[in-house]
Amino acid sequence: MTDQTNKSEKFIAYETAVAQLKAQRAELVQMRTVAKGQVTRFTNQKQSKAVIKMASDRVDDVQYEIELTDQELESLSVLLAQASLIDAEGSVSVEHVNLVDIDDVKQVVVPVVVVLPMHGEIKSEYTGTAAGSSLAVTPYLNMEKYAELIEIAFDITQLDDELVLERGLALLEEKLSPQVHDKLILDVKNGLRKPLKIMGKKVAVVPHIDSPGGSPSESYNLGMKLVRESNKSKVPFYTFTSNGANSGGYMIGCTGDKVFVTTPFTTCGCIGVVSGYTELTERGRNRSDIVERIVTSGDEKRSTMDDVYTETSPEDLARFKEELAYIHEGFKQHVSAMRGDKITDTKRAYSGKSFQVSEAIELGLIDGVGHYEEVLPQMFGDSILMYNLDVTDPSLKVDYEGMFEAQRKAAVPQKKAASAPGAVATLVDDPVLLKRFFAANIQCVKSTPEILLKK
C-alpha cells in the first residue's frame, strides 16, 4: 500500500497484534536468558540434580513458548503483508489483486503512465501550421502549445476511462483463479457483494523529448512547468530521449526525477550557448545601393549587430559575448539544481559537448539506458497501462488535397485553348504543364503522389 497513512481496519488490527507479539517475544527472550543464568549458577554451586533439572526445564518451557510465538508472528506477518496492499477504501492495485482476499476488495486500481511526446526545435514563434510549413510536419516546442498539454498529462482526473476499464478487466481475468473469478461474479449476481470498481491512477508521466534545442527561455519554462505540475499532482516524471536531447532539449530533460536515453547511440548534453550574426564586408557595404536608416531613443536601444550594413562595434560584440556567458552560467546552475551531486565533473559536463551514452552516464547527466516500455514496468509492475497523450495540433490536420489544389492554381499558369475561346487548360490535359508542376513540387510528389494524380 503506497499511502501508509490510509490504513484499513484489518491492517491496523494485524499491525497491533504483531506489535504485541513482538513485545511478548522480547519478554520471553529475557526470561530465557534469566533461566539459563540460573542453570549456570546452580551448576557452579553444585546444587542438587533436581534443582538443576528444574531450572533446565524452565529454559525448555520458555524456548517452546518463543517458538510458538514465532509461528504466530510468521502467520500474522503474512496477513499483515496482504492487508497492507489494501487501503482504507478497499482499493488494491491490480498488480496485487491475486495476493489478497478478494472479499476485502471494493475497487481495483490500474496504474497509468502517460507518455507526453515533445519533439522538435524549441522556438517561441508558433509557425507549425500550413501557413508556416508547406507540409505542416510539426509545430515547434513552446509554452503556447505545451503548457496545457503538460497540465493534462499530470491531471490525475483526466484519464482514458475506456482504456483503463479494458486493461483492468483483462488483468482481473488473467490474475484471478477461475474459482475466485467465478465466485466473484456469482456473489455480485446474488447480491452478496457490490460489483468491483475499476479505476485508473496516474503513477508517472514520461516526457519523451527529442530536440536539438532552441530558445533558452522556452526551454527553461517548459522544464519548470513539468516540475511545477509534478509537485502539484504528486506524480513523478521520468524523461526519455531517443534521437537526442541537446542544449535546450537537455535543459528540459534534466528536470526529470530520472533521465534516460532509449538507445546506445543517443546523444545528450550540449550544455552551452551558441548564437551568431550576419555582417557585410566593407566591399559588400560599398557595392550595396541600400542604406538602412534607424532612429532610436536610448543609447543602447539598438546594437550595430542588428544591421548587416553597419560594421559591428567592439563594444556591441563584447556585450553580446557577455550575454551568451550569462545564459551559459544560468544553464549550468539549472542543471546543477536539477541533477545535484550526480554531476561528477562539472568542467567536462558543462563544456558544451554533446555526449555519447557512456560519457553521459559517467558524468551523471543521465541515469541509464532503456526504453520507457521496459524501464517503467520494472518500476511500477507489469500491469501498468501506458498510453501516449495526443499532442497533435488541430491546425496540423491539413486538407492536403485542398492545399495542393491551391498550390497547383498558383504554380500553373492558365492557358487558353485556341479552338475554344475562354477555355482553360487543366493540369492533366497539358503534359508540359504537368511536368512543370511536378518539377516545382518534387518533394510533395515523392511524399504523396496519389494526391497529385486525382482530378
Protein backbone atom coordinates (compact mmCIF):
# COMPACT_ATOMS: atom_id res chain seq x y z
CA MET A 1 0.00 0.00 0.00
CA THR A 2 1.69 3.19 -1.15
CA ASP A 3 -0.02 5.55 1.28
CA GLN A 4 0.72 4.22 4.77
CA THR A 5 -1.46 6.92 6.35
CA ASN A 6 -4.53 5.38 4.70
CA LYS A 7 -4.57 2.04 6.52
CA SER A 8 -7.50 -0.35 6.52
CA GLU A 9 -9.06 -1.52 9.80
CA LYS A 10 -7.82 -5.05 9.16
CA PHE A 11 -4.29 -3.77 8.61
CA ILE A 12 -4.40 -1.79 11.87
CA ALA A 13 -5.66 -4.86 13.76
CA TYR A 14 -2.91 -7.07 12.35
CA GLU A 15 -0.30 -4.37 12.93
CA THR A 16 -1.36 -4.08 16.58
CA ALA A 17 -1.33 -7.85 17.05
CA VAL A 18 2.15 -8.13 15.52
CA ALA A 19 3.46 -5.37 17.78
CA GLN A 20 2.04 -7.12 20.85
CA LEU A 21 3.54 -10.46 19.83
CA LYS A 22 6.93 -8.86 19.26
CA ALA A 23 6.79 -7.30 22.72
CA GLN A 24 5.73 -10.66 24.19
CA ARG A 25 8.59 -12.40 22.41
CA ALA A 26 11.08 -9.88 23.78
CA GLU A 27 9.88 -10.65 27.32
CA LEU A 28 10.20 -14.39 26.67
CA VAL A 29 13.74 -13.96 25.39
CA GLN A 30 14.58 -12.06 28.56
CA MET A 31 13.02 -14.83 30.68
CA ARG A 32 15.06 -17.44 28.78
CA THR A 33 18.24 -15.53 29.49
CA VAL A 34 17.43 -15.41 33.21
CA ALA A 35 16.57 -19.13 33.26
CA LYS A 36 19.85 -20.05 31.52
CA GLY A 37 21.72 -17.95 34.08
CA GLN A 38 20.09 -19.90 36.90
CA VAL A 39 21.12 -23.20 35.33
CA THR A 40 24.74 -21.99 35.13
CA ARG A 41 24.70 -20.63 38.70
CA PHE A 42 23.11 -23.79 40.18
CA THR A 43 25.64 -25.92 38.32
CA ASN A 44 28.57 -23.87 39.62
CA GLN A 45 27.13 -24.02 43.16
CA LYS A 46 26.89 -27.81 42.81
CA GLN A 47 23.19 -27.77 43.60
CA SER A 48 21.27 -31.00 43.52
CA LYS A 49 20.39 -32.59 40.18
CA ALA A 50 16.70 -31.99 40.87
CA VAL A 51 17.23 -28.24 41.28
CA ILE A 52 19.39 -28.04 38.16
CA LYS A 53 16.83 -30.10 36.17
CA MET A 54 14.01 -27.82 37.31
CA ALA A 55 15.94 -24.79 36.05
CA SER A 56 16.75 -26.54 32.74
CA ASP A 57 13.08 -27.47 32.26
CA ARG A 58 12.20 -23.81 32.72
CA VAL A 59 14.58 -22.92 29.89
CA ASP A 60 12.92 -25.51 27.63
CA ASP A 61 9.44 -24.27 28.50
CA VAL A 62 10.32 -20.67 27.67
CA GLN A 63 12.01 -21.77 24.44
CA TYR A 64 8.84 -23.63 23.44
CA GLU A 65 6.75 -20.50 24.07
CA ILE A 66 9.18 -18.49 21.92
CA GLU A 67 8.82 -20.97 19.05
CA LEU A 68 5.02 -20.83 19.28
CA THR A 69 5.19 -17.03 19.26
CA ASP A 70 7.45 -17.10 16.20
CA GLN A 71 4.99 -19.32 14.35
CA GLU A 72 2.13 -16.98 15.22
CA LEU A 73 4.23 -13.97 14.18
CA GLU A 74 5.01 -15.61 10.85
CA SER A 75 1.33 -16.21 10.14
CA LEU A 76 0.31 -12.72 11.21
CA SER A 77 3.11 -11.16 9.16
CA VAL A 78 1.72 -12.82 6.03
CA LEU A 79 -1.76 -11.49 6.82
CA LEU A 80 -0.31 -8.07 7.60
CA ALA A 81 1.53 -8.01 4.27
CA GLN A 82 -1.69 -8.89 2.45
CA ALA A 83 -3.67 -6.28 4.36
CA SER A 84 -1.03 -3.66 3.60
CA LEU A 85 -1.91 -3.96 -0.09
CA ILE A 86 -5.47 -2.74 0.57
CA ASP A 87 -6.18 0.78 1.77
CA ALA A 88 -8.99 2.06 3.98
CA GLU A 89 -11.32 2.43 0.96
CA GLY A 90 -10.80 -1.17 -0.05
CA SER A 91 -8.60 -0.26 -3.03
CA VAL A 92 -5.87 -2.57 -4.27
CA SER A 93 -3.53 -2.33 -7.22
CA VAL A 94 -4.45 -4.72 -9.99
CA GLU A 95 -0.83 -5.89 -9.77
CA HIS A 96 -1.57 -7.41 -6.32
CA VAL A 97 -5.21 -8.47 -6.69
CA ASN A 98 -4.25 -12.15 -6.65
CA LEU A 99 -2.36 -11.73 -3.35
CA VAL A 100 -5.27 -10.52 -1.22
CA ASP A 101 -8.64 -11.74 -0.02
CA ILE A 102 -10.96 -10.63 -2.81
CA ASP A 103 -13.80 -10.27 -0.31
CA ASP A 104 -11.94 -7.29 1.22
CA VAL A 105 -11.58 -5.54 -2.13
CA LYS A 106 -14.02 -2.85 -3.26
CA GLN A 107 -12.09 -1.33 -6.15
CA VAL A 108 -9.13 -2.30 -8.29
CA VAL A 109 -6.61 0.36 -9.29
CA VAL A 110 -4.89 0.24 -12.67
CA PRO A 111 -1.57 2.14 -12.57
CA VAL A 112 -1.37 4.54 -15.52
CA VAL A 113 1.71 6.03 -17.17
CA VAL A 114 1.10 8.91 -19.59
CA VAL A 115 3.70 9.46 -22.32
CA LEU A 116 3.99 13.07 -23.46
CA PRO A 117 5.75 13.34 -26.85
CA MET A 118 7.88 16.51 -27.02
CA HIS A 119 9.61 16.52 -30.40
CA GLY A 120 11.08 19.37 -32.40
CA GLU A 121 13.02 22.58 -32.21
CA ILE A 122 12.29 24.83 -29.24
CA LYS A 123 11.13 28.15 -30.58
CA SER A 124 8.79 30.87 -29.39
CA GLU A 125 7.42 31.64 -32.85
CA TYR A 126 4.39 29.44 -33.39
CA THR A 127 4.62 28.59 -37.11
CA GLY A 128 3.96 24.87 -37.24
CA THR A 129 0.87 25.17 -39.41
CA ALA A 130 0.13 25.07 -43.11
CA ALA A 131 0.94 28.76 -43.23
CA GLY A 132 4.38 28.21 -41.74
CA SER A 133 5.31 24.89 -43.34
CA SER A 134 4.13 23.57 -46.68
CA LEU A 135 3.85 20.05 -45.31
CA ALA A 136 2.91 21.13 -41.77
CA VAL A 137 5.05 18.37 -40.24
CA THR A 138 5.09 19.59 -36.63
CA PRO A 139 4.97 22.80 -34.64
CA TYR A 140 7.85 23.99 -32.56
CA LEU A 141 8.13 23.14 -28.88
CA ASN A 142 6.95 26.11 -26.84
CA MET A 143 4.78 27.08 -23.92
CA GLU A 144 1.99 28.28 -26.20
CA LYS A 145 1.32 24.72 -27.30
CA TYR A 146 2.64 22.60 -24.43
CA ALA A 147 1.55 24.42 -21.26
CA GLU A 148 -1.96 22.97 -21.43
CA LEU A 149 -0.71 19.57 -22.61
CA ILE A 150 1.61 19.32 -19.60
CA GLU A 151 -1.29 20.17 -17.29
CA ILE A 152 -3.41 17.45 -18.91
CA ALA A 153 -0.59 14.91 -18.58
CA PHE A 154 -0.33 15.46 -14.81
CA ASP A 155 -4.03 16.00 -14.12
CA ILE A 156 -5.00 12.95 -12.06
CA THR A 157 -8.65 13.37 -13.02
CA GLN A 158 -8.03 13.17 -16.78
CA LEU A 159 -7.71 9.53 -17.82
CA ASP A 160 -8.76 7.44 -20.77
CA ASP A 161 -11.53 5.57 -18.91
CA GLU A 162 -12.18 3.13 -21.75
CA LEU A 163 -8.55 2.01 -21.83
CA VAL A 164 -8.47 1.76 -18.02
CA LEU A 165 -11.59 -0.43 -17.96
CA GLU A 166 -10.35 -2.64 -20.79
CA ARG A 167 -6.96 -3.11 -19.14
CA GLY A 168 -8.46 -3.74 -15.70
CA LEU A 169 -10.89 -6.40 -16.87
CA ALA A 170 -8.21 -8.21 -18.85
CA LEU A 171 -5.84 -8.27 -15.86
CA LEU A 172 -8.53 -9.45 -13.45
CA GLU A 173 -9.31 -12.38 -15.70
CA GLU A 174 -5.59 -13.10 -16.03
CA LYS A 175 -4.62 -12.85 -12.36
CA LEU A 176 -7.62 -14.32 -10.54
CA SER A 177 -8.04 -18.08 -10.50
CA PRO A 178 -11.14 -19.39 -12.31
CA GLN A 179 -12.68 -20.35 -8.96
CA VAL A 180 -12.19 -16.88 -7.42
CA HIS A 181 -13.28 -15.17 -10.63
CA ASP A 182 -16.48 -17.23 -10.89
CA LYS A 183 -17.23 -16.78 -7.18
CA LEU A 184 -16.83 -13.03 -7.52
CA ILE A 185 -19.32 -12.91 -10.39
CA LEU A 186 -21.75 -15.21 -8.57
CA ASP A 187 -21.59 -13.17 -5.34
CA VAL A 188 -22.36 -10.00 -7.25
CA LYS A 189 -25.23 -11.69 -9.07
CA ASN A 190 -26.71 -12.98 -5.80
CA GLY A 191 -26.36 -9.61 -4.10
CA LEU A 192 -23.78 -10.84 -1.59
CA ARG A 193 -21.38 -8.06 -2.54
CA LYS A 194 -21.19 -4.94 -4.67
CA PRO A 195 -19.50 -5.10 -8.09
CA LEU A 196 -15.80 -4.35 -8.18
CA LYS A 197 -14.93 -0.87 -9.35
CA ILE A 198 -12.04 -0.40 -11.75
CA MET A 199 -10.26 2.95 -11.62
CA GLY A 200 -7.06 4.37 -13.04
CA LYS A 201 -4.34 6.13 -11.08
CA LYS A 202 -1.50 8.07 -12.66
CA VAL A 203 1.76 6.83 -11.25
CA ALA A 204 4.14 8.58 -13.64
CA VAL A 205 4.41 10.92 -16.61
CA VAL A 206 7.01 10.32 -19.32
CA PRO A 207 8.04 13.36 -21.35
CA HIS A 208 9.63 11.80 -24.45
CA ILE A 209 11.95 14.58 -25.57
CA ASP A 210 13.67 14.65 -28.94
CA SER A 211 15.06 18.12 -29.55
CA PRO A 212 18.30 19.76 -30.70
CA GLY A 213 17.45 22.77 -28.54
CA GLY A 214 16.46 26.34 -29.28
CA SER A 215 15.19 29.20 -27.18
CA PRO A 216 16.67 29.11 -23.63
CA SER A 217 13.66 30.89 -22.15
CA GLU A 218 11.18 28.47 -23.74
CA SER A 219 13.35 25.50 -22.68
CA TYR A 220 13.52 26.69 -19.09
CA ASN A 221 9.81 27.46 -18.95
CA LEU A 222 8.88 24.04 -20.33
CA GLY A 223 11.18 22.22 -17.90
CA MET A 224 9.97 24.14 -14.87
CA LYS A 225 6.35 23.70 -15.96
CA LEU A 226 6.92 19.95 -15.76
CA VAL A 227 8.40 20.35 -12.27
CA ARG A 228 5.55 22.53 -11.00
CA GLU A 229 2.81 20.23 -12.30
CA SER A 230 4.61 17.20 -10.86
CA ASN A 231 4.85 18.84 -7.44
CA LYS A 232 1.22 19.93 -7.60
CA SER A 233 -0.15 16.50 -8.54
CA LYS A 234 2.41 14.43 -6.57
CA VAL A 235 3.01 12.42 -9.75
CA PRO A 236 6.71 11.84 -10.57
CA PHE A 237 8.04 12.19 -14.11
CA TYR A 238 10.88 10.48 -15.90
CA THR A 239 12.33 11.99 -19.06
CA PHE A 240 13.44 9.87 -22.02
CA THR A 241 15.11 10.77 -25.30
CA SER A 242 15.64 8.63 -28.39
CA ASN A 243 17.14 10.85 -31.10
CA GLY A 244 18.83 13.23 -28.70
CA ALA A 245 18.11 15.89 -26.09
CA ASN A 246 20.76 18.52 -26.58
CA SER A 247 21.17 22.10 -25.44
CA GLY A 248 17.63 23.35 -24.74
CA GLY A 249 16.37 19.78 -25.15
CA TYR A 250 18.57 18.71 -22.24
CA MET A 251 17.55 21.80 -20.27
CA ILE A 252 14.05 20.29 -20.32
CA GLY A 253 15.20 16.68 -19.93
CA CYS A 254 17.37 17.22 -16.85
CA THR A 255 14.34 18.28 -14.80
CA GLY A 256 13.02 14.70 -14.59
CA ASP A 257 13.17 12.65 -11.39
CA LYS A 258 15.30 10.36 -13.51
CA VAL A 259 16.73 10.85 -17.00
CA PHE A 260 17.08 8.06 -19.56
CA VAL A 261 18.13 7.59 -23.17
CA THR A 262 16.43 4.83 -25.12
CA THR A 263 19.31 3.66 -27.35
CA PRO A 264 23.08 3.14 -27.02
CA PHE A 265 23.52 5.68 -29.83
CA THR A 266 21.54 8.58 -28.37
CA THR A 267 23.42 11.77 -27.55
CA CYS A 268 22.58 14.35 -24.92
CA GLY A 269 24.02 17.30 -23.07
CA CYS A 270 25.46 20.12 -25.18
CA ILE A 271 25.28 22.40 -22.13
CA GLY A 272 26.37 25.62 -23.77
CA VAL A 273 25.09 28.58 -25.75
CA VAL A 274 25.51 29.37 -29.43
CA SER A 275 24.38 32.35 -31.47
CA GLY A 276 25.60 34.45 -34.33
CA TYR A 277 25.05 37.43 -36.55
CA THR A 278 25.46 38.46 -40.18
CA GLU A 279 27.61 41.34 -41.32
CA LEU A 280 28.55 42.54 -44.79
CA THR A 281 32.21 43.04 -45.55
CA GLU A 282 33.43 46.53 -46.36
CA ARG A 283 33.41 45.59 -50.05
CA GLY A 284 29.82 44.36 -49.74
CA ARG A 285 28.73 47.55 -48.00
CA ASN A 286 30.39 49.70 -50.67
CA ARG A 287 28.73 47.74 -53.50
CA SER A 288 25.28 47.94 -51.95
CA ASP A 289 22.86 50.62 -53.07
CA ILE A 290 20.79 50.05 -49.91
CA VAL A 291 21.02 52.43 -46.99
CA GLU A 292 19.15 51.49 -43.81
CA ARG A 293 18.06 54.36 -41.56
CA ILE A 294 17.47 53.51 -37.91
CA VAL A 295 16.05 56.03 -35.46
CA THR A 296 16.15 55.24 -31.73
CA SER A 297 15.76 56.93 -28.39
CA GLY A 298 18.14 55.46 -25.83
CA ASP A 299 21.88 54.97 -26.17
CA GLU A 300 21.72 51.18 -26.12
CA LYS A 301 18.34 50.66 -27.74
CA ARG A 302 19.84 49.09 -30.84
CA SER A 303 23.11 47.28 -31.45
CA THR A 304 25.29 47.64 -34.51
CA MET A 305 24.95 43.85 -34.76
CA ASP A 306 21.31 44.29 -35.73
CA ASP A 307 22.24 45.92 -39.03
CA VAL A 308 24.13 43.94 -41.68
CA TYR A 309 25.10 47.21 -43.39
CA THR A 310 26.90 48.57 -40.34
CA GLU A 311 30.24 47.38 -39.06
CA THR A 312 29.89 45.76 -35.62
CA SER A 313 31.43 47.86 -32.88
CA PRO A 314 33.82 46.24 -30.36
CA GLU A 315 31.54 47.39 -27.54
CA ASP A 316 28.49 45.65 -29.01
CA LEU A 317 30.45 42.46 -29.68
CA ALA A 318 31.74 42.43 -26.10
CA ARG A 319 28.22 42.92 -24.74
CA PHE A 320 26.97 40.11 -27.00
CA LYS A 321 29.58 37.72 -25.59
CA GLU A 322 28.63 38.77 -22.05
CA GLU A 323 25.01 37.89 -22.76
CA LEU A 324 26.00 34.43 -24.02
CA ALA A 325 28.20 33.86 -20.95
CA TYR A 326 25.33 34.94 -18.68
CA ILE A 327 22.94 32.46 -20.32
CA HIS A 328 25.58 29.70 -20.14
CA GLU A 329 26.07 30.32 -16.42
CA GLY A 330 22.33 30.16 -15.85
CA PHE A 331 22.19 26.91 -17.82
CA LYS A 332 24.90 25.38 -15.64
CA GLN A 333 23.17 26.44 -12.45
CA HIS A 334 19.90 24.98 -13.71
CA VAL A 335 21.47 21.58 -14.44
CA SER A 336 23.26 21.59 -11.08
CA ALA A 337 19.98 22.34 -9.31
CA MET A 338 18.18 19.53 -11.13
CA ARG A 339 20.88 16.85 -11.07
CA GLY A 340 22.61 17.83 -7.82
CA ASP A 341 25.56 15.70 -6.75
CA LYS A 342 25.03 13.33 -9.67
CA ILE A 343 27.22 15.57 -11.85
CA THR A 344 30.74 14.18 -11.33
CA ASP A 345 32.84 16.57 -13.44
CA THR A 346 31.27 19.98 -14.00
CA LYS A 347 34.08 21.22 -16.24
CA ARG A 348 33.57 18.44 -18.77
CA ALA A 349 29.80 18.24 -18.38
CA TYR A 350 29.34 21.99 -18.95
CA SER A 351 31.78 22.29 -21.83
CA GLY A 352 29.05 22.44 -24.49
CA LYS A 353 29.85 18.98 -25.83
CA SER A 354 27.13 16.54 -26.83
CA PHE A 355 27.96 13.25 -25.10
CA GLN A 356 27.56 9.63 -26.07
CA VAL A 357 25.81 7.32 -23.61
CA SER A 358 28.85 6.00 -21.72
CA GLU A 359 30.20 9.51 -21.08
CA ALA A 360 26.77 10.85 -20.16
CA ILE A 361 26.36 8.13 -17.52
CA GLU A 362 29.88 8.68 -16.22
CA LEU A 363 29.30 12.43 -15.86
CA GLY A 364 25.91 11.95 -14.22
CA LEU A 365 23.92 13.62 -16.99
CA ILE A 366 21.63 10.57 -17.32
CA ASP A 367 20.59 7.71 -15.06
CA GLY A 368 20.50 4.86 -17.53
CA VAL A 369 19.71 3.38 -20.92
CA GLY A 370 16.41 1.76 -21.80
CA HIS A 371 13.08 2.38 -23.45
CA TYR A 372 10.26 3.53 -21.22
CA GLU A 373 8.27 0.45 -22.25
CA GLU A 374 10.98 -1.59 -20.49
CA VAL A 375 12.01 0.74 -17.65
CA LEU A 376 8.58 1.74 -16.30
CA PRO A 377 7.26 -1.84 -15.83
CA GLN A 378 10.37 -2.54 -13.75
CA MET A 379 9.48 0.43 -11.56
CA PHE A 380 5.70 0.06 -11.31
CA GLY A 381 4.99 -3.54 -12.30
CA ASP A 382 3.92 -5.26 -15.48
CA SER A 383 0.27 -4.30 -15.00
CA ILE A 384 0.69 -0.62 -15.87
CA LEU A 385 -1.40 0.94 -18.59
CA MET A 386 0.79 3.11 -20.77
CA TYR A 387 -0.55 5.40 -23.49
CA ASN A 388 0.59 8.41 -25.48
CA LEU A 389 -1.06 11.76 -24.98
CA ASP A 390 -2.31 13.10 -28.32
CA VAL A 391 -0.29 16.26 -28.92
CA THR A 392 -1.47 16.83 -32.48
CA ASP A 393 -2.27 20.46 -33.08
CA PRO A 394 -5.73 20.66 -34.73
CA SER A 395 -4.28 23.19 -37.17
CA LEU A 396 -1.90 20.49 -38.43
CA LYS A 397 -4.73 18.33 -39.68
CA VAL A 398 -4.37 19.87 -43.08
CA ASP A 399 -6.62 19.25 -46.06
CA TYR A 400 -3.72 18.17 -48.24
CA GLU A 401 -5.85 17.93 -51.37
CA GLY A 402 -7.11 21.45 -50.82
CA MET A 403 -3.61 22.69 -50.10
CA PHE A 404 -2.14 21.09 -53.21
CA GLU A 405 -5.03 22.36 -55.29
CA ALA A 406 -4.24 25.88 -54.09
CA GLN A 407 -0.56 25.32 -54.90
CA ARG A 408 -1.46 23.99 -58.34
CA LYS A 409 -3.54 27.02 -59.16
CA ALA A 410 -0.72 29.29 -58.05
CA ALA A 411 2.02 27.34 -59.83
CA VAL A 412 0.27 26.50 -63.10
CA PRO A 413 -0.47 29.49 -65.33
CA GLN A 414 -3.79 29.49 -67.08
CA LYS A 415 -3.63 28.91 -70.89
CA LYS A 416 -6.48 29.48 -73.25
CA ALA A 417 -7.11 26.86 -75.95
CA ALA A 418 -7.11 28.29 -79.49
CA SER A 419 -10.05 26.18 -80.65
CA ALA A 420 -12.25 27.15 -77.72
CA PRO A 421 -12.02 30.77 -76.69
CA GLY A 422 -12.38 31.16 -72.95
CA ALA A 423 -11.48 27.56 -72.11
CA VAL A 424 -8.76 26.88 -69.52
CA ALA A 425 -6.20 24.06 -69.84
CA THR A 426 -6.15 21.75 -66.82
CA LEU A 427 -3.16 20.12 -65.17
CA VAL A 428 -3.89 16.65 -66.57
CA ASP A 429 -4.69 17.97 -70.08
CA ASP A 430 -1.29 19.50 -70.76
CA PRO A 431 1.82 17.28 -70.31
CA VAL A 432 4.11 20.35 -70.39
CA LEU A 433 2.24 21.99 -67.51
CA LEU A 434 2.14 18.65 -65.68
CA LYS A 435 5.91 18.28 -65.96
CA ARG A 436 6.44 21.86 -64.80
CA PHE A 437 4.18 21.32 -61.78
CA PHE A 438 5.93 18.08 -60.82
CA ALA A 439 9.32 19.81 -61.05
CA ALA A 440 8.13 22.65 -58.82
CA ASN A 441 6.65 20.27 -56.25
CA ILE A 442 9.01 17.33 -56.42
CA GLN A 443 9.14 16.85 -52.60
CA CYS A 444 5.37 16.82 -52.40
CA VAL A 445 5.18 14.36 -55.27
CA LYS A 446 7.53 11.95 -53.51
CA SER A 447 5.55 12.15 -50.28
CA THR A 448 2.00 11.90 -51.60
CA PRO A 449 1.90 11.02 -55.31
CA GLU A 450 -1.62 9.69 -55.17
CA ILE A 451 -3.00 13.14 -54.33
CA LEU A 452 -1.48 14.79 -57.37
CA LEU A 453 -2.95 12.24 -59.73
CA LYS A 454 -6.53 12.84 -58.65
CA LYS A 455 -8.79 15.01 -60.78
